Amino acid sequence: MTKVRVAGFSISLDGFGAGPDQSLEQPLGLRGKELHEWFFPTRSFRTMIGQEGGTQGIDESFAIRAMDNCGAFILGRNMFGPVRGDWPDESWKGWWGDNPPYHAPTFILTHYPRAPIVMEGGTVFHFVTKGIGAALEQARAAAGGRDVRIGGGVSTVRQYLQAGLVDEMHLAVSPVVLGQGENLFAGIDLPALGFRVTEHVFGEGATHIVLSR
């Protein structure tokens, strides 16, 4: 059965999933890169960027799980890139180069229509202008019975949480305090939404928390 998951989502100890002032030079916001330091040494990350080696411990096992059985992804417009407003042209195709890490249909939430973009490795970006429900409906159909992963950013995850559409979350809690940025859980009552902690494991670079409904 298809699950809607948030997986491999890095947050700080004080609950921020991105730093402030996202830009072309700082795609994760100021200090946002620090949230992902647990992931960078893993074999999964090194393979993603075309390098060999990498760690194979607990952090790697959760990195593998984050991508396991994912048949489609949903991303917010800001997660896709820094371009705001109407698309000025067709040149921007994401942060990830010609072969993005998704390798599956990926649905981008936006207010501005754009034709699908076929990338290398099986990723196809589809642009959805009718909201989170329409994007989830399309992603479920494309996933072919596999899971749909809400890839971020923070605003997108919050929207799906508040709508009661997320079944499971894996958070990688990094030993970092940001103090400002985009807070994942501000004003959200997770127990009221039916979530409870079902797993917590200390990894090499982060604490991995799984919440399920």
N, C-alpha and C. Protein backbone atom coordinates (compact mmCIF):
# COMPACT_ATOMS: atom_id res chain seq x y z
N MET A 1 0.84 -1.20 0.00
CA MET A 1 0.00 0.00 0.00
C MET A 1 0.88 1.25 0.00
N THR A 2 0.52 2.22 -0.80
CA THR A 2 1.30 3.44 -0.90
C THR A 2 1.25 4.23 0.40
N LYS A 3 2.43 4.60 0.89
CA LYS A 3 2.53 5.50 2.03
C LYS A 3 2.98 6.87 1.53
N VAL A 4 2.57 7.90 2.26
CA VAL A 4 3.10 9.24 2.03
C VAL A 4 4.11 9.50 3.13
N ARG A 5 5.37 9.68 2.73
CA ARG A 5 6.45 9.74 3.71
C ARG A 5 7.26 11.02 3.58
N VAL A 6 7.76 11.47 4.72
CA VAL A 6 8.87 12.42 4.77
C VAL A 6 10.05 11.60 5.26
N ALA A 7 11.16 11.62 4.56
CA ALA A 7 12.26 10.72 4.92
C ALA A 7 13.60 11.40 4.68
N GLY A 8 14.55 11.13 5.58
CA GLY A 8 15.87 11.73 5.45
C GLY A 8 15.83 13.24 5.57
N PHE A 9 14.85 13.76 6.31
CA PHE A 9 14.67 15.21 6.41
C PHE A 9 15.47 15.72 7.59
N SER A 10 16.45 16.57 7.33
CA SER A 10 17.37 17.05 8.36
C SER A 10 16.81 18.28 9.06
N ILE A 11 16.87 18.27 10.39
CA ILE A 11 16.48 19.45 11.16
C ILE A 11 17.52 19.70 12.25
N SER A 12 17.53 20.92 12.76
CA SER A 12 18.42 21.28 13.86
C SER A 12 17.79 20.88 15.18
N LEU A 13 18.57 20.98 16.24
CA LEU A 13 18.04 20.69 17.57
C LEU A 13 16.90 21.61 17.95
N ASP A 14 16.90 22.83 17.42
CA ASP A 14 15.81 23.75 17.72
C ASP A 14 14.73 23.77 16.64
N GLY A 15 14.71 22.74 15.81
CA GLY A 15 13.57 22.50 14.94
C GLY A 15 13.57 23.15 13.58
N PHE A 16 14.71 23.72 13.16
CA PHE A 16 14.76 24.39 11.86
C PHE A 16 15.21 23.42 10.77
N GLY A 17 14.46 23.43 9.66
CA GLY A 17 14.79 22.57 8.53
C GLY A 17 15.52 23.28 7.42
N ALA A 18 15.75 24.57 7.57
CA ALA A 18 16.52 25.37 6.61
C ALA A 18 16.93 26.65 7.30
N GLY A 19 18.03 27.21 6.84
CA GLY A 19 18.46 28.49 7.36
C GLY A 19 17.75 29.64 6.65
N PRO A 20 17.94 30.86 7.12
CA PRO A 20 17.31 32.01 6.46
C PRO A 20 18.04 32.41 5.19
N ASP A 21 17.37 33.22 4.37
CA ASP A 21 18.00 33.88 3.21
C ASP A 21 18.50 32.89 2.16
N GLN A 22 17.60 32.00 1.73
CA GLN A 22 17.96 31.10 0.64
C GLN A 22 18.30 31.91 -0.60
N SER A 23 19.33 31.47 -1.33
CA SER A 23 19.74 32.16 -2.54
C SER A 23 20.43 31.16 -3.46
N LEU A 24 20.82 31.62 -4.64
CA LEU A 24 21.55 30.77 -5.57
C LEU A 24 22.86 30.31 -4.94
N GLU A 25 23.49 31.19 -4.17
CA GLU A 25 24.75 30.83 -3.52
C GLU A 25 24.53 30.02 -2.26
N GLN A 26 23.38 30.18 -1.61
CA GLN A 26 23.05 29.48 -0.36
C GLN A 26 21.71 28.76 -0.53
N PRO A 27 21.66 27.67 -1.30
CA PRO A 27 20.37 27.03 -1.58
C PRO A 27 19.67 26.47 -0.35
N LEU A 28 20.42 26.22 0.72
CA LEU A 28 19.82 25.71 1.96
C LEU A 28 19.65 26.82 2.99
N GLY A 29 19.87 28.05 2.60
CA GLY A 29 19.84 29.16 3.53
C GLY A 29 21.15 29.26 4.30
N LEU A 30 21.32 30.36 5.00
CA LEU A 30 22.55 30.55 5.78
C LEU A 30 22.69 29.45 6.83
N ARG A 31 23.81 28.79 6.82
CA ARG A 31 24.16 27.69 7.73
C ARG A 31 23.31 26.43 7.50
N GLY A 32 22.46 26.45 6.49
CA GLY A 32 21.61 25.29 6.25
C GLY A 32 22.40 24.03 5.93
N LYS A 33 23.55 24.19 5.30
CA LYS A 33 24.38 23.03 4.96
C LYS A 33 24.78 22.23 6.19
N GLU A 34 24.89 22.90 7.34
CA GLU A 34 25.30 22.21 8.57
C GLU A 34 24.30 21.13 8.98
N LEU A 35 23.04 21.29 8.58
CA LEU A 35 22.02 20.30 8.94
C LEU A 35 22.27 18.96 8.26
N HIS A 36 23.01 18.96 7.18
CA HIS A 36 23.17 17.76 6.35
C HIS A 36 24.56 17.14 6.47
N GLU A 37 25.33 17.59 7.44
CA GLU A 37 26.68 17.05 7.58
C GLU A 37 26.69 15.55 7.85
N TRP A 38 25.64 15.02 8.44
CA TRP A 38 25.55 13.59 8.69
C TRP A 38 25.50 12.79 7.38
N PHE A 39 24.93 13.40 6.34
CA PHE A 39 24.69 12.71 5.07
C PHE A 39 25.90 12.72 4.15
N PHE A 40 26.67 13.79 4.18
CA PHE A 40 27.76 13.96 3.21
C PHE A 40 28.80 12.85 3.22
N PRO A 41 29.17 12.26 4.38
CA PRO A 41 30.18 11.20 4.33
C PRO A 41 29.66 9.84 3.86
N THR A 42 28.34 9.67 3.72
CA THR A 42 27.78 8.35 3.45
C THR A 42 28.05 7.88 2.03
N ARG A 43 28.01 6.58 1.87
CA ARG A 43 28.15 6.01 0.53
C ARG A 43 27.04 6.51 -0.40
N SER A 44 25.84 6.65 0.14
CA SER A 44 24.71 7.11 -0.69
C SER A 44 24.98 8.48 -1.29
N PHE A 45 25.48 9.40 -0.46
CA PHE A 45 25.75 10.75 -0.98
C PHE A 45 26.88 10.73 -1.98
N ARG A 46 27.96 10.00 -1.67
CA ARG A 46 29.10 9.98 -2.58
C ARG A 46 28.74 9.35 -3.92
N THR A 47 27.90 8.33 -3.89
CA THR A 47 27.41 7.74 -5.13
C THR A 47 26.58 8.74 -5.92
N MET A 48 25.77 9.53 -5.21
CA MET A 48 24.91 10.52 -5.85
C MET A 48 25.73 11.54 -6.63
N ILE A 49 26.91 11.89 -6.12
CA ILE A 49 27.73 12.91 -6.79
C ILE A 49 28.84 12.29 -7.64
N GLY A 50 28.73 10.97 -7.88
CA GLY A 50 29.65 10.31 -8.79
C GLY A 50 31.00 9.96 -8.20
N GLN A 51 31.07 9.83 -6.87
CA GLN A 51 32.32 9.48 -6.22
C GLN A 51 32.22 8.09 -5.58
N GLU A 52 33.37 7.49 -5.33
CA GLU A 52 33.41 6.17 -4.71
C GLU A 52 33.59 6.30 -3.21
N GLY A 53 33.42 5.15 -2.53
CA GLY A 53 33.65 5.10 -1.10
C GLY A 53 32.49 5.65 -0.31
N GLY A 54 32.77 6.04 0.92
CA GLY A 54 31.73 6.55 1.81
C GLY A 54 31.45 5.61 2.96
N THR A 55 30.89 6.15 4.02
CA THR A 55 30.63 5.37 5.22
C THR A 55 29.44 4.43 5.01
N GLN A 56 29.42 3.37 5.79
CA GLN A 56 28.34 2.37 5.68
C GLN A 56 27.75 2.04 7.04
N GLY A 57 27.71 3.02 7.93
CA GLY A 57 27.18 2.80 9.27
C GLY A 57 25.69 3.08 9.36
N ILE A 58 25.29 3.57 10.53
CA ILE A 58 23.88 3.82 10.80
C ILE A 58 23.33 4.93 9.91
N ASP A 59 24.09 6.02 9.76
CA ASP A 59 23.61 7.10 8.90
C ASP A 59 23.37 6.62 7.48
N GLU A 60 24.26 5.78 6.98
CA GLU A 60 24.08 5.24 5.63
C GLU A 60 22.84 4.37 5.55
N SER A 61 22.57 3.58 6.58
CA SER A 61 21.39 2.72 6.54
C SER A 61 20.11 3.54 6.48
N PHE A 62 20.09 4.67 7.17
CA PHE A 62 18.90 5.52 7.10
C PHE A 62 18.83 6.28 5.78
N ALA A 63 19.97 6.60 5.21
CA ALA A 63 19.98 7.23 3.88
C ALA A 63 19.39 6.27 2.84
N ILE A 64 19.74 5.00 2.94
CA ILE A 64 19.19 3.99 2.03
C ILE A 64 17.68 3.87 2.22
N ARG A 65 17.27 3.80 3.49
CA ARG A 65 15.84 3.66 3.78
C ARG A 65 15.03 4.85 3.26
N ALA A 66 15.64 6.03 3.28
CA ALA A 66 14.93 7.23 2.84
C ALA A 66 14.52 7.14 1.37
N MET A 67 15.32 6.46 0.57
CA MET A 67 15.03 6.33 -0.86
C MET A 67 14.33 5.03 -1.22
N ASP A 68 14.26 4.11 -0.28
CA ASP A 68 13.72 2.79 -0.58
C ASP A 68 12.22 2.86 -0.91
N ASN A 69 11.83 2.19 -1.97
CA ASN A 69 10.43 2.03 -2.36
C ASN A 69 9.74 3.34 -2.73
N CYS A 70 10.51 4.35 -3.10
CA CYS A 70 9.89 5.63 -3.49
C CYS A 70 9.56 5.60 -4.98
N GLY A 71 8.28 5.75 -5.28
CA GLY A 71 7.85 5.73 -6.67
C GLY A 71 7.59 7.10 -7.24
N ALA A 72 7.51 8.13 -6.38
CA ALA A 72 7.29 9.50 -6.84
C ALA A 72 7.65 10.45 -5.71
N PHE A 73 7.97 11.69 -6.08
CA PHE A 73 8.37 12.71 -5.12
C PHE A 73 7.53 13.96 -5.33
N ILE A 74 7.37 14.73 -4.25
CA ILE A 74 6.73 16.04 -4.32
C ILE A 74 7.67 17.06 -3.69
N LEU A 75 7.92 18.14 -4.41
CA LEU A 75 8.79 19.20 -3.93
C LEU A 75 8.07 20.55 -4.04
N GLY A 76 8.41 21.45 -3.13
CA GLY A 76 7.95 22.82 -3.24
C GLY A 76 8.74 23.58 -4.29
N ARG A 77 8.20 24.69 -4.71
CA ARG A 77 8.86 25.53 -5.72
C ARG A 77 10.25 25.97 -5.24
N ASN A 78 10.37 26.35 -3.97
CA ASN A 78 11.66 26.80 -3.46
C ASN A 78 12.68 25.67 -3.40
N MET A 79 12.21 24.46 -3.20
CA MET A 79 13.11 23.30 -3.19
C MET A 79 13.67 23.05 -4.59
N PHE A 80 12.90 23.40 -5.59
CA PHE A 80 13.33 23.19 -6.97
C PHE A 80 14.35 24.23 -7.40
N GLY A 81 14.25 25.45 -6.87
CA GLY A 81 15.20 26.46 -7.29
C GLY A 81 14.91 27.83 -6.74
N PRO A 82 15.76 28.80 -7.02
CA PRO A 82 15.61 30.16 -6.47
C PRO A 82 14.73 31.08 -7.29
N VAL A 83 14.26 30.63 -8.45
CA VAL A 83 13.46 31.49 -9.33
C VAL A 83 12.10 31.75 -8.69
N ARG A 84 11.69 33.00 -8.65
CA ARG A 84 10.40 33.38 -8.07
C ARG A 84 9.50 33.96 -9.15
N GLY A 85 8.19 33.84 -8.93
CA GLY A 85 7.24 34.40 -9.89
C GLY A 85 7.15 33.56 -11.15
N ASP A 86 6.69 34.18 -12.21
CA ASP A 86 6.55 33.47 -13.48
C ASP A 86 7.92 33.04 -13.99
N TRP A 87 7.96 31.91 -14.71
CA TRP A 87 9.21 31.41 -15.24
C TRP A 87 9.71 32.34 -16.34
N PRO A 88 10.86 32.95 -16.19
CA PRO A 88 11.34 33.88 -17.23
C PRO A 88 11.72 33.17 -18.52
N ASP A 89 12.15 31.91 -18.41
CA ASP A 89 12.52 31.09 -19.56
C ASP A 89 12.59 29.64 -19.09
N GLU A 90 13.09 28.75 -19.94
CA GLU A 90 13.14 27.33 -19.61
C GLU A 90 14.52 26.88 -19.13
N SER A 91 15.39 27.83 -18.81
CA SER A 91 16.78 27.47 -18.54
C SER A 91 16.98 26.78 -17.19
N TRP A 92 16.21 27.18 -16.16
CA TRP A 92 16.42 26.57 -14.84
C TRP A 92 15.78 25.19 -14.79
N LYS A 93 16.60 24.16 -14.45
CA LYS A 93 16.11 22.78 -14.40
C LYS A 93 16.45 22.11 -13.07
N GLY A 94 16.58 22.92 -12.01
CA GLY A 94 16.84 22.37 -10.70
C GLY A 94 18.28 22.56 -10.27
N TRP A 95 18.53 22.26 -9.00
CA TRP A 95 19.86 22.44 -8.41
C TRP A 95 20.83 21.33 -8.79
N TRP A 96 20.37 20.23 -9.36
CA TRP A 96 21.11 18.97 -9.31
C TRP A 96 21.83 18.59 -10.59
N GLY A 97 21.83 19.43 -11.60
CA GLY A 97 22.48 19.09 -12.85
C GLY A 97 21.59 18.22 -13.73
N ASP A 98 22.21 17.56 -14.71
CA ASP A 98 21.44 16.82 -15.71
C ASP A 98 20.84 15.52 -15.18
N ASN A 99 21.39 15.00 -14.09
CA ASN A 99 20.92 13.72 -13.55
C ASN A 99 20.55 13.89 -12.08
N PRO A 100 19.35 14.40 -11.78
CA PRO A 100 18.93 14.63 -10.40
C PRO A 100 18.83 13.32 -9.63
N PRO A 101 18.83 13.38 -8.29
CA PRO A 101 18.89 12.16 -7.48
C PRO A 101 17.57 11.43 -7.34
N TYR A 102 16.49 11.89 -7.98
CA TYR A 102 15.17 11.32 -7.71
C TYR A 102 14.90 10.05 -8.52
N HIS A 103 15.24 10.05 -9.79
CA HIS A 103 15.08 8.86 -10.65
C HIS A 103 13.65 8.34 -10.65
N ALA A 104 12.70 9.26 -10.62
CA ALA A 104 11.28 8.92 -10.58
C ALA A 104 10.49 10.18 -10.92
N PRO A 105 9.20 10.06 -11.23
CA PRO A 105 8.39 11.25 -11.45
C PRO A 105 8.43 12.16 -10.21
N THR A 106 8.65 13.45 -10.43
CA THR A 106 8.80 14.40 -9.33
C THR A 106 7.90 15.59 -9.61
N PHE A 107 7.03 15.90 -8.66
CA PHE A 107 5.98 16.89 -8.87
C PHE A 107 6.32 18.15 -8.09
N ILE A 108 6.38 19.28 -8.80
CA ILE A 108 6.78 20.56 -8.24
C ILE A 108 5.54 21.42 -8.02
N LEU A 109 5.34 21.87 -6.79
CA LEU A 109 4.23 22.76 -6.48
C LEU A 109 4.57 24.18 -6.93
N THR A 110 3.70 24.78 -7.70
CA THR A 110 3.96 26.13 -8.20
C THR A 110 2.64 26.79 -8.57
N HIS A 111 2.65 28.12 -8.65
CA HIS A 111 1.48 28.85 -9.15
C HIS A 111 1.58 29.13 -10.64
N TYR A 112 2.71 28.76 -11.24
CA TYR A 112 2.97 29.14 -12.62
C TYR A 112 3.21 27.90 -13.47
N PRO A 113 2.39 27.66 -14.49
CA PRO A 113 2.51 26.45 -15.30
C PRO A 113 3.81 26.40 -16.08
N ARG A 114 4.24 25.19 -16.33
CA ARG A 114 5.44 24.95 -17.12
C ARG A 114 5.37 23.53 -17.67
N ALA A 115 5.89 23.30 -18.84
CA ALA A 115 5.89 21.97 -19.44
C ALA A 115 6.81 21.04 -18.65
N PRO A 116 6.50 19.74 -18.61
CA PRO A 116 7.38 18.79 -17.93
C PRO A 116 8.79 18.81 -18.48
N ILE A 117 9.76 18.47 -17.63
CA ILE A 117 11.16 18.43 -18.02
C ILE A 117 11.66 17.00 -17.82
N VAL A 118 12.11 16.38 -18.89
CA VAL A 118 12.66 15.02 -18.81
C VAL A 118 14.17 15.14 -18.60
N MET A 119 14.64 14.56 -17.49
CA MET A 119 16.05 14.61 -17.14
C MET A 119 16.68 13.23 -17.30
N GLU A 120 17.98 13.17 -17.16
CA GLU A 120 18.67 11.88 -17.20
C GLU A 120 18.32 11.06 -15.96
N GLY A 121 18.44 9.74 -16.08
CA GLY A 121 18.30 8.86 -14.92
C GLY A 121 16.88 8.57 -14.50
N GLY A 122 15.89 8.97 -15.30
CA GLY A 122 14.51 8.63 -14.98
C GLY A 122 13.72 9.71 -14.27
N THR A 123 14.35 10.81 -13.90
CA THR A 123 13.62 11.91 -13.27
C THR A 123 12.86 12.70 -14.32
N VAL A 124 11.58 12.91 -14.06
CA VAL A 124 10.77 13.81 -14.89
C VAL A 124 10.10 14.81 -13.94
N PHE A 125 10.37 16.09 -14.14
CA PHE A 125 9.76 17.14 -13.33
C PHE A 125 8.42 17.53 -13.94
N HIS A 126 7.37 17.43 -13.12
CA HIS A 126 6.03 17.86 -13.52
C HIS A 126 5.64 19.05 -12.64
N PHE A 127 5.03 20.06 -13.22
CA PHE A 127 4.70 21.28 -12.49
C PHE A 127 3.19 21.34 -12.25
N VAL A 128 2.83 21.40 -10.97
CA VAL A 128 1.42 21.28 -10.56
C VAL A 128 0.97 22.62 -10.01
N THR A 129 -0.09 23.17 -10.59
CA THR A 129 -0.57 24.50 -10.20
C THR A 129 -1.86 24.45 -9.37
N LYS A 130 -2.37 23.26 -9.09
CA LYS A 130 -3.68 23.16 -8.43
C LYS A 130 -3.60 22.72 -6.97
N GLY A 131 -2.42 22.86 -6.35
CA GLY A 131 -2.33 22.64 -4.92
C GLY A 131 -1.82 21.27 -4.52
N ILE A 132 -1.71 21.10 -3.18
CA ILE A 132 -1.08 19.90 -2.64
C ILE A 132 -1.91 18.65 -2.88
N GLY A 133 -3.24 18.78 -2.88
CA GLY A 133 -4.08 17.61 -3.12
C GLY A 133 -3.93 17.08 -4.54
N ALA A 134 -3.90 17.99 -5.50
CA ALA A 134 -3.73 17.58 -6.90
C ALA A 134 -2.36 16.96 -7.11
N ALA A 135 -1.33 17.54 -6.48
CA ALA A 135 0.01 16.97 -6.62
C ALA A 135 0.08 15.57 -6.04
N LEU A 136 -0.55 15.36 -4.89
CA LEU A 136 -0.53 14.03 -4.28
C LEU A 136 -1.30 13.03 -5.12
N GLU A 137 -2.42 13.45 -5.67
CA GLU A 137 -3.19 12.55 -6.53
C GLU A 137 -2.36 12.11 -7.73
N GLN A 138 -1.68 13.04 -8.36
CA GLN A 138 -0.84 12.70 -9.51
C GLN A 138 0.35 11.84 -9.10
N ALA A 139 0.94 12.16 -7.95
CA ALA A 139 2.09 11.38 -7.49
C ALA A 139 1.70 9.95 -7.15
N ARG A 140 0.56 9.77 -6.51
CA ARG A 140 0.09 8.41 -6.20
C ARG A 140 -0.09 7.60 -7.47
N ALA A 141 -0.70 8.21 -8.47
CA ALA A 141 -0.93 7.51 -9.74
C ALA A 141 0.40 7.14 -10.39
N ALA A 142 1.37 8.05 -10.32
CA ALA A 142 2.66 7.79 -10.95
C ALA A 142 3.51 6.79 -10.18
N ALA A 143 3.27 6.68 -8.86
CA ALA A 143 4.12 5.83 -8.01
C ALA A 143 3.89 4.35 -8.25
N GLY A 144 2.77 3.98 -8.85
CA GLY A 144 2.53 2.57 -9.19
C GLY A 144 2.52 1.65 -7.98
N GLY A 145 1.94 2.10 -6.88
CA GLY A 145 1.85 1.28 -5.68
C GLY A 145 3.00 1.47 -4.71
N ARG A 146 4.07 2.13 -5.15
CA ARG A 146 5.16 2.43 -4.24
C ARG A 146 4.86 3.72 -3.46
N ASP A 147 5.78 4.12 -2.60
CA ASP A 147 5.52 5.25 -1.72
C ASP A 147 5.71 6.58 -2.44
N VAL A 148 5.03 7.59 -1.91
CA VAL A 148 5.23 8.97 -2.34
C VAL A 148 6.02 9.67 -1.23
N ARG A 149 7.12 10.30 -1.60
CA ARG A 149 7.95 10.99 -0.62
C ARG A 149 7.79 12.50 -0.79
N ILE A 150 7.46 13.17 0.31
CA ILE A 150 7.41 14.62 0.34
C ILE A 150 8.82 15.09 0.62
N GLY A 151 9.49 15.61 -0.41
CA GLY A 151 10.91 15.89 -0.29
C GLY A 151 11.26 17.22 0.34
N GLY A 152 10.30 18.12 0.48
CA GLY A 152 10.59 19.42 1.06
C GLY A 152 10.26 20.53 0.09
N GLY A 153 10.59 21.76 0.45
CA GLY A 153 11.21 22.14 1.70
C GLY A 153 10.24 22.19 2.86
N VAL A 154 10.63 22.98 3.86
CA VAL A 154 9.90 23.04 5.12
C VAL A 154 8.44 23.42 4.90
N SER A 155 8.17 24.45 4.13
CA SER A 155 6.80 24.89 3.91
C SER A 155 5.93 23.80 3.31
N THR A 156 6.49 23.05 2.37
CA THR A 156 5.73 21.96 1.74
C THR A 156 5.43 20.85 2.72
N VAL A 157 6.42 20.45 3.51
CA VAL A 157 6.19 19.42 4.53
C VAL A 157 5.12 19.89 5.50
N ARG A 158 5.19 21.12 5.95
CA ARG A 158 4.19 21.65 6.88
C ARG A 158 2.78 21.61 6.29
N GLN A 159 2.66 21.96 5.03
CA GLN A 159 1.33 21.93 4.40
C GLN A 159 0.74 20.53 4.40
N TYR A 160 1.56 19.54 4.06
CA TYR A 160 1.06 18.16 4.03
C TYR A 160 0.77 17.65 5.44
N LEU A 161 1.60 18.04 6.41
CA LEU A 161 1.32 17.66 7.80
C LEU A 161 0.00 18.25 8.27
N GLN A 162 -0.17 19.53 8.07
CA GLN A 162 -1.36 20.21 8.56
C GLN A 162 -2.63 19.68 7.89
N ALA A 163 -2.50 19.17 6.67
CA ALA A 163 -3.65 18.59 5.97
C ALA A 163 -3.89 17.13 6.37
N GLY A 164 -3.05 16.59 7.24
CA GLY A 164 -3.21 15.20 7.68
C GLY A 164 -2.90 14.17 6.63
N LEU A 165 -1.98 14.50 5.72
CA LEU A 165 -1.71 13.63 4.57
C LEU A 165 -0.41 12.84 4.68
N VAL A 166 0.35 13.04 5.75
CA VAL A 166 1.62 12.33 5.92
C VAL A 166 1.42 11.13 6.83
N ASP A 167 1.89 9.96 6.39
CA ASP A 167 1.76 8.73 7.17
C ASP A 167 2.96 8.48 8.08
N GLU A 168 4.14 8.89 7.64
CA GLU A 168 5.36 8.57 8.38
C GLU A 168 6.42 9.63 8.12
N MET A 169 7.22 9.92 9.16
CA MET A 169 8.32 10.87 9.02
C MET A 169 9.59 10.29 9.61
N HIS A 170 10.67 10.39 8.86
CA HIS A 170 12.00 10.11 9.38
C HIS A 170 12.76 11.42 9.40
N LEU A 171 13.14 11.86 10.60
CA LEU A 171 13.88 13.09 10.78
C LEU A 171 15.30 12.76 11.22
N ALA A 172 16.27 13.40 10.58
CA ALA A 172 17.66 13.30 11.01
C ALA A 172 17.97 14.56 11.80
N VAL A 173 18.03 14.42 13.12
CA VAL A 173 18.23 15.57 14.00
C VAL A 173 19.73 15.79 14.16
N SER A 174 20.22 16.88 13.57
CA SER A 174 21.64 17.18 13.58
C SER A 174 22.02 17.96 14.84
N PRO A 175 23.23 17.76 15.36
CA PRO A 175 23.65 18.45 16.59
C PRO A 175 24.06 19.89 16.30
N VAL A 176 23.09 20.66 15.83
CA VAL A 176 23.31 22.04 15.41
C VAL A 176 22.16 22.89 15.95
N VAL A 177 22.45 24.09 16.39
CA VAL A 177 21.42 25.04 16.80
C VAL A 177 21.50 26.24 15.85
N LEU A 178 20.42 26.48 15.09
CA LEU A 178 20.42 27.56 14.12
C LEU A 178 19.88 28.88 14.68
N GLY A 179 18.86 28.80 15.51
CA GLY A 179 18.30 30.01 16.10
C GLY A 179 17.32 30.75 15.22
N GLN A 180 17.44 30.58 13.91
CA GLN A 180 16.53 31.23 12.98
C GLN A 180 16.48 30.44 11.68
N GLY A 181 15.48 30.73 10.87
CA GLY A 181 15.30 30.00 9.62
C GLY A 181 13.85 29.55 9.49
N GLU A 182 13.65 28.38 8.91
CA GLU A 182 12.30 27.85 8.71
C GLU A 182 12.07 26.71 9.70
N ASN A 183 11.18 26.96 10.66
CA ASN A 183 10.92 25.98 11.72
C ASN A 183 9.87 24.98 11.25
N LEU A 184 10.19 23.70 11.37
CA LEU A 184 9.32 22.66 10.82
C LEU A 184 8.02 22.51 11.59
N PHE A 185 8.07 22.62 12.92
CA PHE A 185 6.90 22.25 13.73
C PHE A 185 6.23 23.41 14.44
N ALA A 186 6.62 24.64 14.17
CA ALA A 186 6.01 25.78 14.86
C ALA A 186 4.49 25.77 14.67
N GLY A 187 3.75 25.70 15.77
CA GLY A 187 2.30 25.72 15.71
C GLY A 187 1.65 24.42 15.29
N ILE A 188 2.42 23.34 15.14
CA ILE A 188 1.87 22.05 14.73
C ILE A 188 1.87 21.10 15.92
N ASP A 189 0.71 20.51 16.22
CA ASP A 189 0.54 19.57 17.33
C ASP A 189 0.63 18.15 16.78
N LEU A 190 1.81 17.54 16.85
CA LEU A 190 2.00 16.22 16.26
C LEU A 190 1.14 15.14 16.93
N PRO A 191 1.04 15.08 18.28
CA PRO A 191 0.15 14.07 18.87
C PRO A 191 -1.30 14.23 18.41
N ALA A 192 -1.76 15.47 18.26
CA ALA A 192 -3.13 15.67 17.79
C ALA A 192 -3.34 15.17 16.38
N LEU A 193 -2.25 15.15 15.60
CA LEU A 193 -2.32 14.62 14.25
C LEU A 193 -2.16 13.11 14.21
N GLY A 194 -1.93 12.50 15.37
CA GLY A 194 -1.84 11.04 15.46
C GLY A 194 -0.45 10.48 15.43
N PHE A 195 0.58 11.32 15.52
CA PHE A 195 1.95 10.83 15.43
C PHE A 195 2.49 10.40 16.78
N ARG A 196 3.30 9.37 16.74
CA ARG A 196 4.07 8.94 17.92
C ARG A 196 5.44 8.48 17.45
N VAL A 197 6.41 8.54 18.34
CA VAL A 197 7.75 8.09 18.00
C VAL A 197 7.78 6.57 17.99
N THR A 198 8.16 5.99 16.86
CA THR A 198 8.22 4.54 16.74
C THR A 198 9.64 4.01 16.63
N GLU A 199 10.60 4.92 16.48
CA GLU A 199 12.00 4.49 16.36
C GLU A 199 12.90 5.68 16.66
N HIS A 200 13.98 5.45 17.40
CA HIS A 200 15.00 6.49 17.58
C HIS A 200 16.34 5.81 17.72
N VAL A 201 17.26 6.22 16.87
CA VAL A 201 18.57 5.57 16.77
C VAL A 201 19.64 6.66 16.68
N PHE A 202 20.71 6.49 17.45
CA PHE A 202 21.83 7.43 17.39
C PHE A 202 22.78 7.02 16.28
N GLY A 203 22.91 7.85 15.28
CA GLY A 203 23.84 7.60 14.19
C GLY A 203 25.17 8.28 14.43
N GLU A 204 26.04 8.19 13.44
CA GLU A 204 27.36 8.79 13.57
C GLU A 204 27.32 10.31 13.57
N GLY A 205 26.38 10.89 12.80
CA GLY A 205 26.33 12.33 12.68
C GLY A 205 25.00 12.96 13.01
N ALA A 206 23.99 12.14 13.30
CA ALA A 206 22.66 12.65 13.61
C ALA A 206 21.90 11.60 14.41
N THR A 207 20.85 12.06 15.08
CA THR A 207 19.91 11.15 15.74
C THR A 207 18.72 10.95 14.81
N HIS A 208 18.41 9.72 14.53
CA HIS A 208 17.35 9.42 13.57
C HIS A 208 16.04 9.08 14.33
N ILE A 209 15.02 9.88 14.05
CA ILE A 209 13.73 9.73 14.71
C ILE A 209 12.69 9.39 13.66
N VAL A 210 11.94 8.32 13.90
CA VAL A 210 10.83 7.96 13.02
C VAL A 210 9.53 8.16 13.78
N LEU A 211 8.62 8.92 13.18
CA LEU A 211 7.29 9.14 13.74
C LEU A 211 6.27 8.54 12.79
N SER A 212 5.32 7.81 13.36
CA SER A 212 4.31 7.14 12.53
C SER A 212 2.92 7.45 13.07
N ARG A 213 1.94 7.32 12.21
CA ARG A 213 0.54 7.50 12.61
C ARG A 213 -0.14 6.15 12.75
